[in-house]
N, C-alpha and C. Protein backbone atom coordinates (compact mmCIF):
# COMPACT_ATOMS: atom_id res chain seq x y z
N MET A 1 -17.02 -16.48 -8.43
CA MET A 1 -16.39 -16.61 -7.12
C MET A 1 -14.87 -16.60 -7.22
N ALA A 2 -14.33 -17.27 -8.21
CA ALA A 2 -12.88 -17.32 -8.37
C ALA A 2 -12.32 -15.93 -8.61
N GLN A 3 -13.07 -15.09 -9.32
CA GLN A 3 -12.62 -13.72 -9.59
C GLN A 3 -12.49 -12.93 -8.30
N MET A 4 -13.41 -13.11 -7.37
CA MET A 4 -13.35 -12.40 -6.09
C MET A 4 -12.11 -12.82 -5.31
N GLY A 5 -11.76 -14.10 -5.38
CA GLY A 5 -10.57 -14.58 -4.71
C GLY A 5 -9.31 -13.97 -5.29
N LYS A 6 -9.28 -13.80 -6.61
CA LYS A 6 -8.13 -13.17 -7.26
C LYS A 6 -8.01 -11.71 -6.84
N ARG A 7 -9.14 -11.02 -6.74
CA ARG A 7 -9.13 -9.62 -6.31
C ARG A 7 -8.61 -9.50 -4.89
N ALA A 8 -9.08 -10.36 -4.02
CA ALA A 8 -8.64 -10.33 -2.63
C ALA A 8 -7.15 -10.62 -2.53
N GLU A 9 -6.66 -11.54 -3.34
CA GLU A 9 -5.25 -11.90 -3.30
C GLU A 9 -4.36 -10.73 -3.72
N ILE A 10 -4.73 -9.99 -4.75
CA ILE A 10 -3.91 -8.86 -5.19
C ILE A 10 -3.91 -7.76 -4.13
N LEU A 11 -5.02 -7.57 -3.45
CA LEU A 11 -5.07 -6.57 -2.39
C LEU A 11 -4.14 -6.96 -1.24
N LYS A 12 -4.12 -8.23 -0.90
CA LYS A 12 -3.23 -8.71 0.17
C LYS A 12 -1.77 -8.58 -0.23
N ARG A 13 -1.46 -8.93 -1.47
CA ARG A 13 -0.07 -8.83 -1.93
C ARG A 13 0.38 -7.38 -2.00
N PHE A 14 -0.50 -6.49 -2.45
CA PHE A 14 -0.17 -5.08 -2.48
C PHE A 14 0.06 -4.57 -1.06
N GLY A 15 -0.80 -4.95 -0.15
CA GLY A 15 -0.65 -4.53 1.24
C GLY A 15 0.65 -5.02 1.86
N GLN A 16 1.02 -6.25 1.57
CA GLN A 16 2.28 -6.79 2.08
C GLN A 16 3.46 -6.00 1.51
N ARG A 17 3.35 -5.63 0.24
CA ARG A 17 4.42 -4.86 -0.40
C ARG A 17 4.55 -3.48 0.25
N VAL A 18 3.44 -2.82 0.50
CA VAL A 18 3.47 -1.51 1.16
C VAL A 18 4.09 -1.65 2.55
N ARG A 19 3.68 -2.67 3.31
CA ARG A 19 4.21 -2.88 4.66
C ARG A 19 5.72 -3.11 4.61
N GLU A 20 6.15 -3.96 3.69
CA GLU A 20 7.58 -4.27 3.55
C GLU A 20 8.39 -3.00 3.27
N LEU A 21 7.95 -2.20 2.31
CA LEU A 21 8.68 -0.98 1.95
C LEU A 21 8.62 0.06 3.07
N ARG A 22 7.46 0.16 3.72
CA ARG A 22 7.32 1.11 4.84
C ARG A 22 8.31 0.79 5.95
N LYS A 23 8.38 -0.48 6.31
CA LYS A 23 9.27 -0.89 7.39
C LYS A 23 10.74 -0.73 7.00
N GLU A 24 11.07 -1.06 5.74
CA GLU A 24 12.45 -0.90 5.26
C GLU A 24 12.91 0.54 5.41
N GLN A 25 11.99 1.48 5.22
CA GLN A 25 12.34 2.89 5.28
C GLN A 25 12.14 3.50 6.67
N GLY A 26 11.71 2.69 7.61
CA GLY A 26 11.59 3.16 8.99
C GLY A 26 10.36 3.99 9.28
N TYR A 27 9.36 3.92 8.42
CA TYR A 27 8.12 4.64 8.66
C TYR A 27 7.22 3.83 9.58
N SER A 28 6.48 4.51 10.44
CA SER A 28 5.35 3.90 11.13
C SER A 28 4.15 4.07 10.20
N GLN A 29 3.07 3.39 10.50
CA GLN A 29 1.86 3.60 9.70
C GLN A 29 1.42 5.06 9.79
N GLU A 30 1.55 5.62 10.97
CA GLU A 30 1.14 7.01 11.18
C GLU A 30 2.01 7.98 10.38
N SER A 31 3.33 7.77 10.40
CA SER A 31 4.20 8.71 9.68
C SER A 31 4.06 8.56 8.17
N LEU A 32 3.86 7.35 7.66
CA LEU A 32 3.62 7.18 6.23
C LEU A 32 2.29 7.83 5.85
N GLY A 33 1.28 7.60 6.66
CA GLY A 33 -0.02 8.22 6.40
C GLY A 33 0.08 9.74 6.33
N ALA A 34 0.82 10.32 7.26
CA ALA A 34 0.99 11.77 7.26
C ALA A 34 1.73 12.23 6.01
N ALA A 35 2.74 11.48 5.60
CA ALA A 35 3.54 11.85 4.42
C ALA A 35 2.70 11.84 3.15
N CYS A 36 1.75 10.90 3.04
CA CYS A 36 0.95 10.82 1.82
C CYS A 36 -0.49 11.30 2.04
N GLU A 37 -0.72 11.98 3.17
CA GLU A 37 -2.01 12.59 3.50
C GLU A 37 -3.15 11.58 3.54
N LEU A 38 -2.86 10.43 4.17
CA LEU A 38 -3.86 9.40 4.41
C LEU A 38 -3.88 9.08 5.90
N ASP A 39 -5.01 8.67 6.40
CA ASP A 39 -5.11 8.33 7.82
C ASP A 39 -4.34 7.04 8.13
N ARG A 40 -3.80 6.95 9.33
CA ARG A 40 -3.08 5.76 9.78
C ARG A 40 -3.95 4.51 9.66
N THR A 41 -5.22 4.64 9.98
CA THR A 41 -6.10 3.47 9.91
C THR A 41 -6.31 3.02 8.46
N TYR A 42 -6.26 3.95 7.53
CA TYR A 42 -6.38 3.62 6.11
C TYR A 42 -5.13 2.85 5.66
N ILE A 43 -3.94 3.30 6.10
CA ILE A 43 -2.70 2.59 5.79
C ILE A 43 -2.77 1.17 6.34
N GLY A 44 -3.25 1.03 7.56
CA GLY A 44 -3.41 -0.30 8.16
C GLY A 44 -4.34 -1.18 7.34
N GLY A 45 -5.44 -0.60 6.86
CA GLY A 45 -6.38 -1.34 6.03
C GLY A 45 -5.77 -1.78 4.71
N ILE A 46 -4.94 -0.92 4.15
CA ILE A 46 -4.23 -1.28 2.92
C ILE A 46 -3.32 -2.47 3.20
N GLU A 47 -2.55 -2.37 4.26
CA GLU A 47 -1.58 -3.42 4.58
C GLU A 47 -2.25 -4.76 4.90
N ARG A 48 -3.46 -4.73 5.41
CA ARG A 48 -4.19 -5.98 5.69
C ARG A 48 -4.96 -6.48 4.48
N GLY A 49 -4.91 -5.75 3.37
CA GLY A 49 -5.61 -6.16 2.16
C GLY A 49 -7.10 -5.89 2.22
N GLU A 50 -7.51 -4.95 3.05
CA GLU A 50 -8.93 -4.63 3.22
C GLU A 50 -9.40 -3.47 2.35
N ARG A 51 -8.47 -2.75 1.77
CA ARG A 51 -8.81 -1.55 0.99
C ARG A 51 -8.46 -1.73 -0.47
N ASN A 52 -9.39 -1.33 -1.33
CA ASN A 52 -9.14 -1.29 -2.76
C ASN A 52 -8.70 0.14 -3.06
N VAL A 53 -7.42 0.36 -3.14
CA VAL A 53 -6.81 1.69 -3.14
C VAL A 53 -6.93 2.35 -4.51
N SER A 54 -7.26 3.64 -4.51
CA SER A 54 -7.34 4.38 -5.77
C SER A 54 -5.94 4.62 -6.33
N LEU A 55 -5.89 4.84 -7.62
CA LEU A 55 -4.61 5.10 -8.28
C LEU A 55 -3.95 6.36 -7.72
N GLU A 56 -4.74 7.37 -7.39
CA GLU A 56 -4.19 8.59 -6.80
C GLU A 56 -3.49 8.29 -5.47
N ASN A 57 -4.10 7.45 -4.65
CA ASN A 57 -3.50 7.11 -3.37
C ASN A 57 -2.28 6.21 -3.54
N ILE A 58 -2.32 5.31 -4.53
CA ILE A 58 -1.15 4.48 -4.81
C ILE A 58 0.03 5.35 -5.21
N LYS A 59 -0.23 6.34 -6.07
CA LYS A 59 0.81 7.28 -6.49
C LYS A 59 1.34 8.06 -5.30
N GLY A 60 0.46 8.49 -4.41
CA GLY A 60 0.88 9.21 -3.22
C GLY A 60 1.76 8.37 -2.31
N ILE A 61 1.43 7.10 -2.17
CA ILE A 61 2.24 6.19 -1.36
C ILE A 61 3.62 6.03 -1.99
N ALA A 62 3.66 5.79 -3.30
CA ALA A 62 4.95 5.63 -3.99
C ALA A 62 5.80 6.89 -3.84
N ASP A 63 5.19 8.05 -4.06
CA ASP A 63 5.93 9.31 -3.92
C ASP A 63 6.47 9.49 -2.51
N SER A 64 5.66 9.18 -1.51
CA SER A 64 6.07 9.32 -0.12
C SER A 64 7.21 8.38 0.24
N LEU A 65 7.22 7.22 -0.40
CA LEU A 65 8.31 6.26 -0.17
C LEU A 65 9.54 6.57 -1.04
N GLY A 66 9.39 7.54 -1.94
CA GLY A 66 10.50 7.94 -2.80
C GLY A 66 10.82 6.91 -3.88
N ILE A 67 9.78 6.21 -4.35
CA ILE A 67 9.98 5.18 -5.38
C ILE A 67 8.98 5.41 -6.51
N THR A 68 9.20 4.73 -7.63
CA THR A 68 8.28 4.82 -8.76
C THR A 68 7.12 3.87 -8.54
N LEU A 69 6.08 4.07 -9.34
CA LEU A 69 4.94 3.15 -9.30
C LEU A 69 5.40 1.73 -9.66
N ALA A 70 6.30 1.64 -10.64
CA ALA A 70 6.80 0.32 -11.05
C ALA A 70 7.52 -0.37 -9.89
N GLN A 71 8.29 0.38 -9.14
CA GLN A 71 9.00 -0.21 -8.00
C GLN A 71 8.01 -0.65 -6.92
N LEU A 72 6.97 0.14 -6.70
CA LEU A 72 5.96 -0.23 -5.71
C LEU A 72 5.24 -1.51 -6.11
N MET A 73 5.00 -1.67 -7.39
CA MET A 73 4.25 -2.83 -7.88
C MET A 73 5.14 -4.06 -8.14
N GLU A 74 6.42 -3.90 -7.98
CA GLU A 74 7.36 -4.99 -8.26
C GLU A 74 7.01 -6.26 -7.48
N GLY A 75 6.92 -7.36 -8.18
CA GLY A 75 6.68 -8.65 -7.54
C GLY A 75 5.23 -9.00 -7.33
N LEU A 76 4.31 -8.10 -7.69
CA LEU A 76 2.90 -8.41 -7.50
C LEU A 76 2.43 -9.33 -8.59
């Protein structure tokens, strides 16, 4: 059970990080989704910590934000 809580926590922290960077750069969920070829609702799910995002999609988000994977993961 504790492991599931840890998994949920990292998803929430990752989602908060994506939201923070998206807003800093002036993207809406829809425009970020379009930039990285993901649906707006999927971006919302990521930001709420509901999605376990694939590495390919994480890379796409980082590229769309113009940052490295390390920068995207900073502070997690």
